[in-house]
Amino acid sequence: MNLIQFLRSDGKRAVGAIDGGKAHIVKNATSVYALALKAASSGTKLKALVKDKGLGKAIDPAAILAEGRMLPPVDHPDPAHLHVTGTGLTHLGSASTRDAMHKSNQQAAEAPLTDSMKMFRMGLEGGKPAKGETGVQPEWFYKGNGHIVAAPGAPIPSPAFAKDAGEEPEMAGIYVIGPDGTPFRLGFALGNEFSDHVTERVNYLFLAHSKLRWCSFGPELRLGDLPANVSGTSKIIRDGKTIWEKPFLSGEDNMSHTIANLEYHHFKYRLFRQPGDVHVHMFGTATLSFADGITTEPGDVFEIAESQFGLPLANSVAWDKPEKVKVKSL
């Protein structure tokens, strides 16, 4: 079962359930967040709770998306309590992509292992621990909160000071923290972990700056576990024509870490186990158009698709106007 959130024609919020190729409105539901909290509090599976609430009239998710009424598949009444984070160097091939960004061919031949390659190898050696054991921790970054989430179909803004506006097609894990501080995973969605790769390439210590950008995920939230093999397509469309297209892989068959290991190293921090909070965690990718020399332009459309996750995630690129920021003394 997949869930979506959207605005009805009267502007009111609604939740939809997609199951067996059919989509219906979920009765008496206006947010996935509220449903998830109720399921966590009552010890009920989210899918069972949706079925208990009952399904109403049929809906057309593709039409909702085309009409600009699709919302992110989960949000929080207070956006500051939705945390967007991620892990890198988690996928087979991701280290070579990162290395290509950070050094020239001559450097690649002469220099010792980069820190990125060292961390990637740590994941290969210890990212999939035996059951009951703790594996090596991954690279980790903070991206922002609910204020930097663009709805599926909406533009992703890039700040005027950015040097690049590049897509990152990956899986987003969706979590809510229960009343006793227990993290509950709702499921997974397609994610575009939008980043500034030119800034990152200057020095890998600028990674934190490069990640403080908007992102998008959805349109559909797939309940349950992540498939072992995720095989999708990432493309960039300019003026109606595809200028770049490449397959992307995810799922544990294509990763150097288990999902459980990555989840542990995020939620081991008590800070991230505050009751009622929502977490959207991006699990990384090995596929970037930037690595192929693509420079995006305003109006370009990113499209990330994988049939197991329903409708594709598409967002255009938008550049913000320069802002003058001045700190005042009180």
Protein backbone atom coordinates (compact mmCIF):
# COMPACT_ATOMS: atom_id res chain seq x y z
CA MET A 1 0.00 0.00 0.00
CA ASN A 2 1.15 3.54 -0.84
CA LEU A 3 -0.15 6.75 0.76
CA ILE A 4 -0.37 10.26 -0.61
CA GLN A 5 -1.39 13.62 0.82
CA PHE A 6 -3.15 16.17 -1.34
CA LEU A 7 -5.48 19.14 -1.47
CA ARG A 8 -9.04 18.47 -2.53
CA SER A 9 -10.70 20.72 -5.08
CA ASP A 10 -12.11 22.79 -2.19
CA GLY A 11 -8.62 23.36 -0.81
CA LYS A 12 -8.98 21.06 2.19
CA ARG A 13 -6.38 18.42 2.98
CA ALA A 14 -6.92 14.72 2.40
CA VAL A 15 -5.06 11.40 2.45
CA GLY A 16 -5.25 8.85 -0.32
CA ALA A 17 -4.42 5.14 -0.33
CA ILE A 18 -3.17 3.33 -3.44
CA ASP A 19 -3.43 -0.44 -3.34
CA GLY A 20 -3.62 -2.99 -6.12
CA GLY A 21 -3.56 -0.28 -8.77
CA LYS A 22 -6.63 1.46 -7.32
CA ALA A 23 -6.62 4.76 -5.42
CA HIS A 24 -9.21 5.97 -2.93
CA ILE A 25 -9.54 8.72 -0.38
CA VAL A 26 -9.02 7.59 3.24
CA LYS A 27 -12.11 8.44 5.25
CA ASN A 28 -11.79 11.00 8.04
CA ALA A 29 -8.05 11.51 7.49
CA THR A 30 -6.30 14.77 6.73
CA SER A 31 -2.68 13.90 7.47
CA VAL A 32 -0.38 10.89 7.35
CA TYR A 33 1.33 12.32 10.43
CA ALA A 34 -1.85 12.01 12.53
CA LEU A 35 -2.43 8.48 11.26
CA ALA A 36 1.16 7.50 12.08
CA LEU A 37 0.97 8.90 15.61
CA LYS A 38 -2.27 7.02 16.24
CA ALA A 39 -0.75 3.79 14.93
CA ALA A 40 2.37 4.27 17.07
CA SER A 41 0.33 5.02 20.19
CA SER A 42 -2.05 2.10 19.72
CA GLY A 43 0.48 -0.50 18.56
CA THR A 44 -1.34 -0.87 15.24
CA LYS A 45 0.27 -1.22 11.82
CA LEU A 46 -0.32 1.85 9.67
CA LYS A 47 -1.76 -0.21 6.82
CA ALA A 48 -4.25 -1.87 9.17
CA LEU A 49 -5.25 1.51 10.61
CA VAL A 50 -5.94 2.88 7.13
CA LYS A 51 -8.12 -0.14 6.33
CA ASP A 52 -9.97 0.25 9.63
CA LYS A 53 -10.76 3.90 8.87
CA GLY A 54 -12.18 2.82 5.52
CA LEU A 55 -11.77 3.99 1.95
CA GLY A 56 -14.06 6.46 0.24
CA LYS A 57 -14.43 7.64 -3.34
CA ALA A 58 -11.92 6.82 -6.04
CA ILE A 59 -9.26 9.42 -6.86
CA ASP A 60 -6.78 9.96 -9.69
CA PRO A 61 -3.31 10.60 -8.20
CA ALA A 62 -1.81 11.45 -11.61
CA ALA A 63 -4.44 14.14 -12.16
CA ILE A 64 -3.92 15.50 -8.64
CA LEU A 65 -0.19 15.77 -9.34
CA ALA A 66 -0.74 17.40 -12.74
CA GLU A 67 -3.10 19.95 -11.19
CA GLY A 68 -0.51 20.97 -8.57
CA ARG A 69 -2.52 19.68 -5.62
CA MET A 70 -0.08 17.02 -4.41
CA LEU A 71 1.56 17.53 -1.00
CA PRO A 72 4.65 15.78 0.37
CA PRO A 73 3.56 12.31 1.58
CA VAL A 74 4.28 13.33 5.17
CA ASP A 75 4.64 16.69 6.91
CA HIS A 76 4.39 18.12 10.43
CA PRO A 77 2.02 20.80 11.78
CA ASP A 78 5.16 22.63 12.95
CA PRO A 79 7.75 22.36 10.13
CA ALA A 80 10.58 22.92 12.62
CA HIS A 81 9.82 19.45 14.03
CA LEU A 82 10.43 17.69 10.72
CA HIS A 83 14.13 16.90 10.34
CA VAL A 84 15.75 16.22 6.97
CA THR A 85 19.08 14.39 7.19
CA GLY A 86 21.10 11.97 5.12
CA THR A 87 24.02 9.61 4.72
CA GLY A 88 26.57 9.47 1.92
CA LEU A 89 29.04 6.94 0.54
CA THR A 90 26.51 4.20 1.22
CA HIS A 91 26.07 2.78 -2.29
CA LEU A 92 28.36 0.65 -4.42
CA GLY A 93 30.02 3.05 -6.83
CA SER A 94 29.34 6.15 -4.74
CA ALA A 95 32.99 6.56 -3.73
CA SER A 96 34.20 6.71 -7.34
CA THR A 97 31.59 9.37 -8.09
CA ARG A 98 32.70 11.42 -5.08
CA ASP A 99 36.38 10.97 -5.93
CA ALA A 100 35.77 12.17 -9.46
CA MET A 101 34.33 15.37 -8.02
CA HIS A 102 37.19 15.96 -5.63
CA LYS A 103 40.35 15.38 -7.65
CA SER A 104 41.79 15.41 -11.15
CA ASN A 105 42.90 12.35 -13.12
CA GLN A 106 46.55 13.11 -12.31
CA GLN A 107 45.76 13.39 -8.62
CA ALA A 108 43.81 10.14 -8.81
CA ALA A 109 46.89 8.37 -10.13
CA GLU A 110 49.38 9.87 -7.70
CA ALA A 111 47.57 10.62 -4.44
CA PRO A 112 46.87 8.19 -1.59
CA LEU A 113 43.33 7.21 -0.73
CA THR A 114 41.03 10.16 -0.14
CA ASP A 115 39.03 10.41 3.06
CA SER A 116 35.93 9.64 1.00
CA MET A 117 37.41 6.40 -0.29
CA LYS A 118 38.58 5.46 3.19
CA MET A 119 35.09 5.94 4.58
CA PHE A 120 33.56 4.02 1.69
CA ARG A 121 35.89 1.09 2.37
CA MET A 122 34.94 1.22 6.04
CA GLY A 123 31.34 0.74 4.94
CA LEU A 124 32.26 -2.19 2.70
CA GLU A 125 34.06 -3.86 5.58
CA GLY A 126 31.68 -3.05 8.42
CA GLY A 127 28.44 -1.57 7.08
CA LYS A 128 26.53 -4.86 7.09
CA PRO A 129 27.07 -6.32 10.55
CA ALA A 130 25.72 -9.63 11.76
CA LYS A 131 22.37 -9.53 13.50
CA GLY A 132 22.72 -8.10 16.99
CA GLU A 133 26.02 -6.38 16.26
CA THR A 134 26.74 -2.72 15.58
CA GLY A 135 28.32 -1.79 12.26
CA VAL A 136 30.56 1.10 11.30
CA GLN A 137 28.92 4.52 11.27
CA PRO A 138 28.45 6.25 7.90
CA GLU A 139 29.07 9.76 6.69
CA TRP A 140 26.13 11.81 7.98
CA PHE A 141 24.78 15.28 7.25
CA TYR A 142 22.01 17.64 8.31
CA LYS A 143 19.97 19.11 5.48
CA GLY A 144 17.26 21.18 7.12
CA ASN A 145 13.74 20.99 8.47
CA GLY A 146 10.24 21.08 7.05
CA HIS A 147 10.77 24.62 5.77
CA ILE A 148 13.05 23.31 2.99
CA VAL A 149 10.72 20.63 1.58
CA ALA A 150 9.24 21.26 -1.86
CA ALA A 151 6.05 19.42 -2.75
CA PRO A 152 6.16 16.94 -5.63
CA GLY A 153 5.68 18.91 -8.84
CA ALA A 154 6.68 22.21 -7.23
CA PRO A 155 9.92 24.06 -8.05
CA ILE A 156 12.99 23.45 -5.88
CA PRO A 157 14.51 26.85 -5.07
CA SER A 158 18.28 27.29 -5.12
CA PRO A 159 19.79 30.23 -3.19
CA ALA A 160 21.36 33.02 -5.25
CA PHE A 161 24.75 32.35 -3.64
CA ALA A 162 24.78 28.69 -4.75
CA LYS A 163 27.38 27.61 -7.29
CA ASP A 164 25.37 24.66 -8.57
CA ALA A 165 21.87 23.19 -8.40
CA GLY A 166 22.11 19.45 -8.85
CA GLU A 167 19.82 16.49 -8.26
CA GLU A 168 20.55 13.39 -6.20
CA PRO A 169 18.11 10.51 -6.81
CA GLU A 170 17.77 8.33 -3.74
CA MET A 171 15.52 6.65 -1.22
CA ALA A 172 14.02 8.65 1.62
CA GLY A 173 13.11 6.80 4.81
CA ILE A 174 10.11 8.30 6.64
CA TYR A 175 9.88 8.07 10.45
CA VAL A 176 7.80 9.35 13.33
CA ILE A 177 8.87 9.29 16.98
CA GLY A 178 6.33 7.66 19.28
CA PRO A 179 5.19 8.97 22.68
CA ASP A 180 7.90 7.00 24.52
CA GLY A 181 10.72 8.07 22.18
CA THR A 182 10.63 4.97 19.96
CA PRO A 183 11.36 5.66 16.26
CA PHE A 184 8.74 4.13 13.97
CA ARG A 185 9.43 3.71 10.27
CA LEU A 186 6.41 4.39 8.07
CA GLY A 187 8.10 3.40 4.83
CA PHE A 188 10.08 4.86 1.95
CA ALA A 189 9.64 7.37 -0.85
CA LEU A 190 11.55 8.56 -3.87
CA GLY A 191 13.80 11.47 -2.88
CA ASN A 192 15.67 14.27 -4.62
CA GLU A 193 18.43 15.26 -2.20
CA PHE A 194 19.21 18.47 -4.06
CA SER A 195 22.80 19.69 -3.48
CA ASP A 196 25.48 22.19 -4.53
CA HIS A 197 28.23 19.99 -5.93
CA VAL A 198 30.49 22.84 -7.07
CA THR A 199 30.70 24.12 -3.50
CA GLU A 200 31.40 20.62 -2.23
CA ARG A 201 34.12 20.11 -4.82
CA VAL A 202 36.09 23.13 -3.54
CA ASN A 203 36.83 21.17 -0.36
CA TYR A 204 35.03 18.16 1.07
CA LEU A 205 34.80 20.06 4.38
CA PHE A 206 32.26 22.25 2.56
CA LEU A 207 29.93 19.24 2.37
CA ALA A 208 27.85 20.67 5.22
CA HIS A 209 27.33 23.92 3.30
CA SER A 210 26.52 22.10 0.06
CA LYS A 211 23.72 20.13 1.72
CA LEU A 212 21.86 23.10 3.22
CA ARG A 213 19.44 23.27 0.32
CA TRP A 214 15.82 22.47 -0.45
CA CYS A 215 14.78 18.94 -1.37
CA SER A 216 11.71 16.98 -2.40
CA PHE A 217 10.34 13.50 -1.79
CA GLY A 218 7.29 11.50 -2.83
CA PRO A 219 4.76 11.73 -4.36
CA GLU A 220 3.90 8.35 -2.84
CA LEU A 221 4.93 6.83 0.48
CA ARG A 222 5.44 3.09 0.11
CA LEU A 223 4.60 1.42 3.44
CA GLY A 224 6.82 -1.32 4.81
CA ASP A 225 10.39 -2.35 4.07
CA LEU A 226 12.62 -1.09 1.29
CA PRO A 227 12.87 -3.57 -1.60
CA ALA A 228 16.29 -5.25 -1.71
CA ASN A 229 16.76 -4.06 -5.28
CA VAL A 230 15.62 -0.62 -6.38
CA SER A 231 16.30 0.16 -10.04
CA GLY A 232 15.03 3.47 -11.34
CA THR A 233 15.78 6.26 -13.78
CA SER A 234 16.94 9.82 -13.18
CA LYS A 235 16.63 12.38 -15.96
CA ILE A 236 16.87 16.10 -16.64
CA ILE A 237 14.39 17.69 -19.05
CA ARG A 238 15.08 21.09 -20.64
CA ASP A 239 12.50 22.81 -22.84
CA GLY A 240 10.63 19.53 -23.14
CA LYS A 241 13.65 17.49 -24.23
CA THR A 242 15.66 15.03 -22.13
CA ILE A 243 19.26 16.29 -21.98
CA TRP A 244 20.54 13.67 -19.54
CA GLU A 245 19.28 10.29 -18.38
CA LYS A 246 20.83 7.52 -16.33
CA PRO A 247 19.70 4.55 -14.23
CA PHE A 248 20.10 4.71 -10.46
CA LEU A 249 20.26 1.80 -8.03
CA SER A 250 19.39 1.48 -4.37
CA GLY A 251 18.21 -1.14 -1.90
CA GLU A 252 20.54 -3.26 0.18
CA ASP A 253 21.61 -5.36 -2.83
CA ASN A 254 23.29 -2.20 -4.14
CA MET A 255 24.48 -0.72 -0.83
CA SER A 256 27.53 -1.05 1.40
CA HIS A 257 25.39 -0.59 4.54
CA THR A 258 22.19 -2.19 5.75
CA ILE A 259 19.21 0.09 6.33
CA ALA A 260 19.17 -1.08 9.96
CA ASN A 261 22.78 0.01 10.46
CA LEU A 262 22.12 3.45 8.96
CA GLU A 263 18.98 3.84 11.08
CA TYR A 264 20.84 2.87 14.25
CA HIS A 265 23.56 5.45 13.70
CA HIS A 266 20.96 8.18 13.20
CA PHE A 267 18.60 7.36 16.02
CA LYS A 268 21.33 6.51 18.54
CA TYR A 269 21.32 10.24 19.29
CA ARG A 270 18.67 11.11 21.86
CA LEU A 271 18.21 14.43 20.08
CA PHE A 272 16.53 12.53 17.25
CA ARG A 273 14.15 10.61 19.51
CA GLN A 274 11.91 13.45 20.65
CA PRO A 275 8.24 12.35 20.83
CA GLY A 276 6.14 13.64 17.97
CA ASP A 277 9.00 14.58 15.65
CA VAL A 278 9.15 13.47 12.02
CA HIS A 279 12.37 12.39 10.30
CA VAL A 280 13.03 12.20 6.57
CA HIS A 281 16.37 10.47 6.06
CA MET A 282 18.03 10.33 2.63
CA PHE A 283 20.04 7.13 2.13
CA GLY A 284 22.46 8.24 -0.58
CA THR A 285 23.14 7.62 -4.26
CA ALA A 286 25.90 6.82 -6.74
CA THR A 287 24.26 8.66 -9.67
CA LEU A 288 24.73 12.39 -10.32
CA SER A 289 24.36 14.37 -13.54
CA PHE A 290 27.08 16.68 -12.22
CA ALA A 291 29.58 13.83 -12.43
CA ASP A 292 28.84 13.73 -16.18
CA GLY A 293 29.52 17.43 -16.62
CA ILE A 294 25.91 18.63 -16.59
CA THR A 295 25.19 22.17 -15.38
CA THR A 296 21.51 22.80 -14.69
CA GLU A 297 19.64 25.94 -15.64
CA PRO A 298 16.51 27.63 -14.24
CA GLY A 299 13.45 25.80 -15.51
CA ASP A 300 15.17 22.43 -15.94
CA VAL A 301 13.02 19.59 -14.65
CA PHE A 302 14.38 16.70 -12.58
CA GLU A 303 12.41 13.46 -12.96
CA ILE A 304 13.12 10.47 -10.72
CA ALA A 305 11.12 7.33 -11.40
CA GLU A 306 10.96 3.77 -10.06
CA SER A 307 7.84 1.68 -10.73
CA GLN A 308 7.83 0.13 -7.23
CA PHE A 309 7.19 3.62 -5.81
CA GLY A 310 4.33 4.70 -8.03
CA LEU A 311 4.26 8.12 -9.66
CA PRO A 312 7.60 9.72 -10.57
CA LEU A 313 9.01 12.61 -8.56
CA ALA A 314 9.41 15.68 -10.78
CA ASN A 315 10.55 19.16 -9.77
CA SER A 316 11.87 22.09 -11.73
CA VAL A 317 14.87 24.21 -10.71
CA ALA A 318 14.27 27.78 -9.54
CA TRP A 319 16.90 30.31 -8.46
CA ASP A 320 16.13 32.75 -5.65
CA LYS A 321 16.93 36.43 -5.91
CA PRO A 322 19.92 37.70 -3.88
CA GLU A 323 19.12 38.61 -0.28
CA LYS A 324 20.82 41.05 2.02
CA VAL A 325 21.17 39.51 5.47
CA LYS A 326 22.15 41.77 8.33
CA VAL A 327 22.46 40.72 11.95
CA LYS A 328 21.15 43.31 14.39
CA SER A 329 22.15 43.69 18.01
CA LEU A 330 19.51 43.71 20.72
